[in-house]
Structures are given as C-alpha cells and as structure tokens.
C-alpha cells in the first residue's frame, strides 16, 4: 500500500484520531494537519489548524472551518462535538491532477 503524503484529522475522538491507523498509512515525511485536541497524540510533522486557517501543501490549499454539533449530546447541555474543539478541513487542488503520476485518495479512518 502506498503511504500518505498528507493526513487530515478533524478532531481527537478515537474514530478520527486513530493513532495506530495513522501510523500504518504515514511515512516519515508525511504532513499531518489537525486540530489541537488531536495533535498531542501524534508525532512527526504536525500542522495545527484552527478555523479560518489556510495553508498550502503539495499543491493543495487546506482550509479549516468551524465544526461542531448543536443536536447530538452526551448528556443534557454536553454536545459530542462542542465549539472550538475541532475543525472541518477542506482541500482544494491547486495543481493539474491529470498528470499520470499523480494519485489522490480520500479515505475516512473508522
């Protein structure tokens, strides 16, 4: 299996920030872009992303947006995904993806 150049992780819940699975798909130079609550469990080249951040990497523009729940709660008043704890990460391709040696995969780890 080819290893990832970039890994995007939205937040620290184990179904998103699964350190074992991330280690399986990364290589030493893989860039991991993530929110603060996941970054402390990961190693390597970590790029912290907060809502409003825009960063360019390997021909992609990665944009972080606010991400939270207002309808799903662990308990009364305690959401599963509270404000200011995670990000949505959007990737925009800035290079010509028709080049024969460029392969793009998108996979959610869960």
C-alpha atoms as a PDB file:
ATOM      1  CA  UNK A   1       0.000   0.000   0.000  1.00  0.00           C
ATOM      2  CA  UNK A   2       1.236   3.475  -0.848  1.00  0.00           C
ATOM      3  CA  UNK A   3       1.788   5.744   2.129  1.00  0.00           C
ATOM      4  CA  UNK A   4       0.139   9.149   2.518  1.00  0.00           C
ATOM      5  CA  UNK A   5       1.863  12.466   1.850  1.00  0.00           C
ATOM      6  CA  UNK A   6      -0.802  14.386   3.784  1.00  0.00           C
ATOM      7  CA  UNK A   7      -3.199  13.234   6.508  1.00  0.00           C
ATOM      8  CA  UNK A   8      -6.106  15.454   7.616  1.00  0.00           C
ATOM      9  CA  UNK A   9      -7.587  14.763  11.065  1.00  0.00           C
ATOM     10  CA  UNK A  10     -10.547  16.854  12.206  1.00  0.00           C
ATOM     11  CA  UNK A  11     -10.600  16.128  15.944  1.00  0.00           C
ATOM     12  CA  UNK A  12      -9.386  13.920  18.762  1.00  0.00           C
ATOM     13  CA  UNK A  13     -12.166  11.317  19.027  1.00  0.00           C
ATOM     14  CA  UNK A  14     -10.735   7.833  18.507  1.00  0.00           C
ATOM     15  CA  UNK A  15     -12.826   7.229  15.369  1.00  0.00           C
ATOM     16  CA  UNK A  16     -10.991  10.151  13.722  1.00  0.00           C
ATOM     17  CA  UNK A  17      -7.637  10.405  15.516  1.00  0.00           C
ATOM     18  CA  UNK A  18      -6.753   6.697  15.496  1.00  0.00           C
ATOM     19  CA  UNK A  19      -3.009   6.816  16.112  1.00  0.00           C
ATOM     20  CA  UNK A  20      -2.460   3.162  15.146  1.00  0.00           C
ATOM     21  CA  UNK A  21      -4.186   3.537  11.787  1.00  0.00           C
ATOM     22  CA  UNK A  22      -2.477   6.854  11.089  1.00  0.00           C
ATOM     23  CA  UNK A  23       0.905   5.220  11.765  1.00  0.00           C
ATOM     24  CA  UNK A  24       0.039   2.472   9.249  1.00  0.00           C
ATOM     25  CA  UNK A  25      -0.550   4.954   6.410  1.00  0.00           C
ATOM     26  CA  UNK A  26       2.122   7.559   7.108  1.00  0.00           C
ATOM     27  CA  UNK A  27       5.763   7.775   6.142  1.00  0.00           C
ATOM     28  CA  UNK A  28       8.453   9.815   7.965  1.00  0.00           C
ATOM     29  CA  UNK A  29       7.838  12.944   5.866  1.00  0.00           C
ATOM     30  CA  UNK A  30       4.015  12.784   5.960  1.00  0.00           C
ATOM     31  CA  UNK A  31       2.423  16.078   6.959  1.00  0.00           C
ATOM     32  CA  UNK A  32      -0.440  15.676   9.444  1.00  0.00           C
ATOM     33  CA  UNK A  33      -2.844  18.605   9.576  1.00  0.00           C
ATOM     34  CA  UNK A  34      -5.122  18.531  12.601  1.00  0.00           C
ATOM     35  CA  UNK A  35      -6.841  20.376  15.417  1.00  0.00           C
ATOM     36  CA  UNK A  36      -5.176  20.994  18.769  1.00  0.00           C
ATOM     37  CA  UNK A  37      -7.037  18.231  20.632  1.00  0.00           C
ATOM     38  CA  UNK A  38      -5.559  15.507  18.396  1.00  0.00           C
ATOM     39  CA  UNK A  39      -2.037  16.873  17.904  1.00  0.00           C
ATOM     40  CA  UNK A  40      -0.672  15.846  21.319  1.00  0.00           C
ATOM     41  CA  UNK A  41      -1.160  12.135  20.479  1.00  0.00           C
ATOM     42  CA  UNK A  42       0.665  12.277  17.147  1.00  0.00           C
ATOM     43  CA  UNK A  43       4.306  12.564  16.186  1.00  0.00           C
ATOM     44  CA  UNK A  44       6.149  13.821  13.130  1.00  0.00           C
ATOM     45  CA  UNK A  45       5.402  16.914  11.109  1.00  0.00           C
ATOM     46  CA  UNK A  46       2.205  18.263  12.667  1.00  0.00           C
ATOM     47  CA  UNK A  47       0.489  21.384  11.334  1.00  0.00           C
ATOM     48  CA  UNK A  48      -2.102  22.785  13.754  1.00  0.00           C
ATOM     49  CA  UNK A  49      -5.250  24.062  12.072  1.00  0.00           C
ATOM     50  CA  UNK A  50      -7.825  26.411  13.601  1.00  0.00           C
ATOM     51  CA  UNK A  51     -10.988  27.774  11.993  1.00  0.00           C
ATOM     52  CA  UNK A  52     -10.039  30.367   9.372  1.00  0.00           C
ATOM     53  CA  UNK A  53      -6.545  28.953   8.738  1.00  0.00           C
ATOM     54  CA  UNK A  54      -5.437  28.398   5.134  1.00  0.00           C
ATOM     55  CA  UNK A  55      -2.247  26.508   4.388  1.00  0.00           C
ATOM     56  CA  UNK A  56      -0.727  25.322   1.141  1.00  0.00           C
ATOM     57  CA  UNK A  57       0.899  21.901   0.952  1.00  0.00           C
ATOM     58  CA  UNK A  58       1.871  19.686  -2.019  1.00  0.00           C
ATOM     59  CA  UNK A  59      -0.344  21.528  -4.476  1.00  0.00           C
ATOM     60  CA  UNK A  60      -3.391  21.681  -2.200  1.00  0.00           C
ATOM     61  CA  UNK A  61      -4.922  24.589  -0.342  1.00  0.00           C
ATOM     62  CA  UNK A  62      -6.205  23.271   3.004  1.00  0.00           C
ATOM     63  CA  UNK A  63      -8.858  25.444   4.653  1.00  0.00           C
ATOM     64  CA  UNK A  64     -10.064  24.935   8.241  1.00  0.00           C
ATOM     65  CA  UNK A  65     -13.656  25.758   9.118  1.00  0.00           C
ATOM     66  CA  UNK A  66     -15.583  25.679  12.407  1.00  0.00           C
ATOM     67  CA  UNK A  67     -17.163  22.288  13.090  1.00  0.00           C
ATOM     68  CA  UNK A  68     -19.477  21.391  15.961  1.00  0.00           C
ATOM     69  CA  UNK A  69     -22.815  19.751  16.858  1.00  0.00           C
ATOM     70  CA  UNK A  70     -25.933  21.508  18.055  1.00  0.00           C
ATOM     71  CA  UNK A  71     -28.267  18.476  18.004  1.00  0.00           C
ATOM     72  CA  UNK A  72     -26.333  15.485  19.416  1.00  0.00           C
ATOM     73  CA  UNK A  73     -25.463  15.427  23.120  1.00  0.00           C
ATOM     74  CA  UNK A  74     -23.649  13.076  25.534  1.00  0.00           C
ATOM     75  CA  UNK A  75     -25.809  14.478  28.324  1.00  0.00           C
ATOM     76  CA  UNK A  76     -28.089  17.472  28.681  1.00  0.00           C
ATOM     77  CA  UNK A  77     -26.082  20.508  27.532  1.00  0.00           C
ATOM     78  CA  UNK A  78     -22.909  18.495  26.753  1.00  0.00           C
ATOM     79  CA  UNK A  79     -22.516  18.095  22.968  1.00  0.00           C
ATOM     80  CA  UNK A  80     -20.408  15.351  21.395  1.00  0.00           C
ATOM     81  CA  UNK A  81     -18.563  17.954  19.347  1.00  0.00           C
ATOM     82  CA  UNK A  82     -18.514  21.290  21.243  1.00  0.00           C
ATOM     83  CA  UNK A  83     -17.498  24.575  19.669  1.00  0.00           C
ATOM     84  CA  UNK A  84     -13.777  25.407  19.481  1.00  0.00           C
ATOM     85  CA  UNK A  85     -12.552  21.803  19.831  1.00  0.00           C
ATOM     86  CA  UNK A  86     -12.330  20.584  16.216  1.00  0.00           C
ATOM     87  CA  UNK A  87     -12.221  21.714  12.643  1.00  0.00           C
ATOM     88  CA  UNK A  88     -13.646  20.771   9.300  1.00  0.00           C
ATOM     89  CA  UNK A  89     -10.816  20.526   6.767  1.00  0.00           C
ATOM     90  CA  UNK A  90     -11.460  21.341   3.113  1.00  0.00           C
ATOM     91  CA  UNK A  91      -8.899  20.600   0.415  1.00  0.00           C
ATOM     92  CA  UNK A  92      -8.762  22.455  -2.885  1.00  0.00           C
ATOM     93  CA  UNK A  93      -6.497  21.102  -5.623  1.00  0.00           C
ATOM     94  CA  UNK A  94      -4.139  23.736  -6.989  1.00  0.00           C
ATOM     95  CA  UNK A  95      -2.228  21.538  -9.450  1.00  0.00           C
ATOM     96  CA  UNK A  96      -3.110  19.779 -12.698  1.00  0.00           C
ATOM     97  CA  UNK A  97      -4.450  16.396 -11.497  1.00  0.00           C
ATOM     98  CA  UNK A  98      -4.358  14.879 -14.982  1.00  0.00           C
ATOM     99  CA  UNK A  99      -0.625  14.182 -14.664  1.00  0.00           C
ATOM    100  CA  UNK A 100      -0.058  10.408 -14.985  1.00  0.00           C
ATOM    101  CA  UNK A 101       1.995  10.056 -11.775  1.00  0.00           C
ATOM    102  CA  UNK A 102      -0.499  11.877  -9.521  1.00  0.00           C
ATOM    103  CA  UNK A 103      -2.866   9.708  -7.494  1.00  0.00           C
ATOM    104  CA  UNK A 104      -5.300  11.161  -4.955  1.00  0.00           C
ATOM    105  CA  UNK A 105      -7.068   9.092  -2.334  1.00  0.00           C
ATOM    106  CA  UNK A 106      -9.625  10.222   0.184  1.00  0.00           C
ATOM    107  CA  UNK A 107     -10.448   7.786   2.961  1.00  0.00           C
ATOM    108  CA  UNK A 108     -12.087   8.219   6.334  1.00  0.00           C
ATOM    109  CA  UNK A 109     -10.488   6.123   9.052  1.00  0.00           C
ATOM    110  CA  UNK A 110     -13.090   4.496  11.259  1.00  0.00           C
END
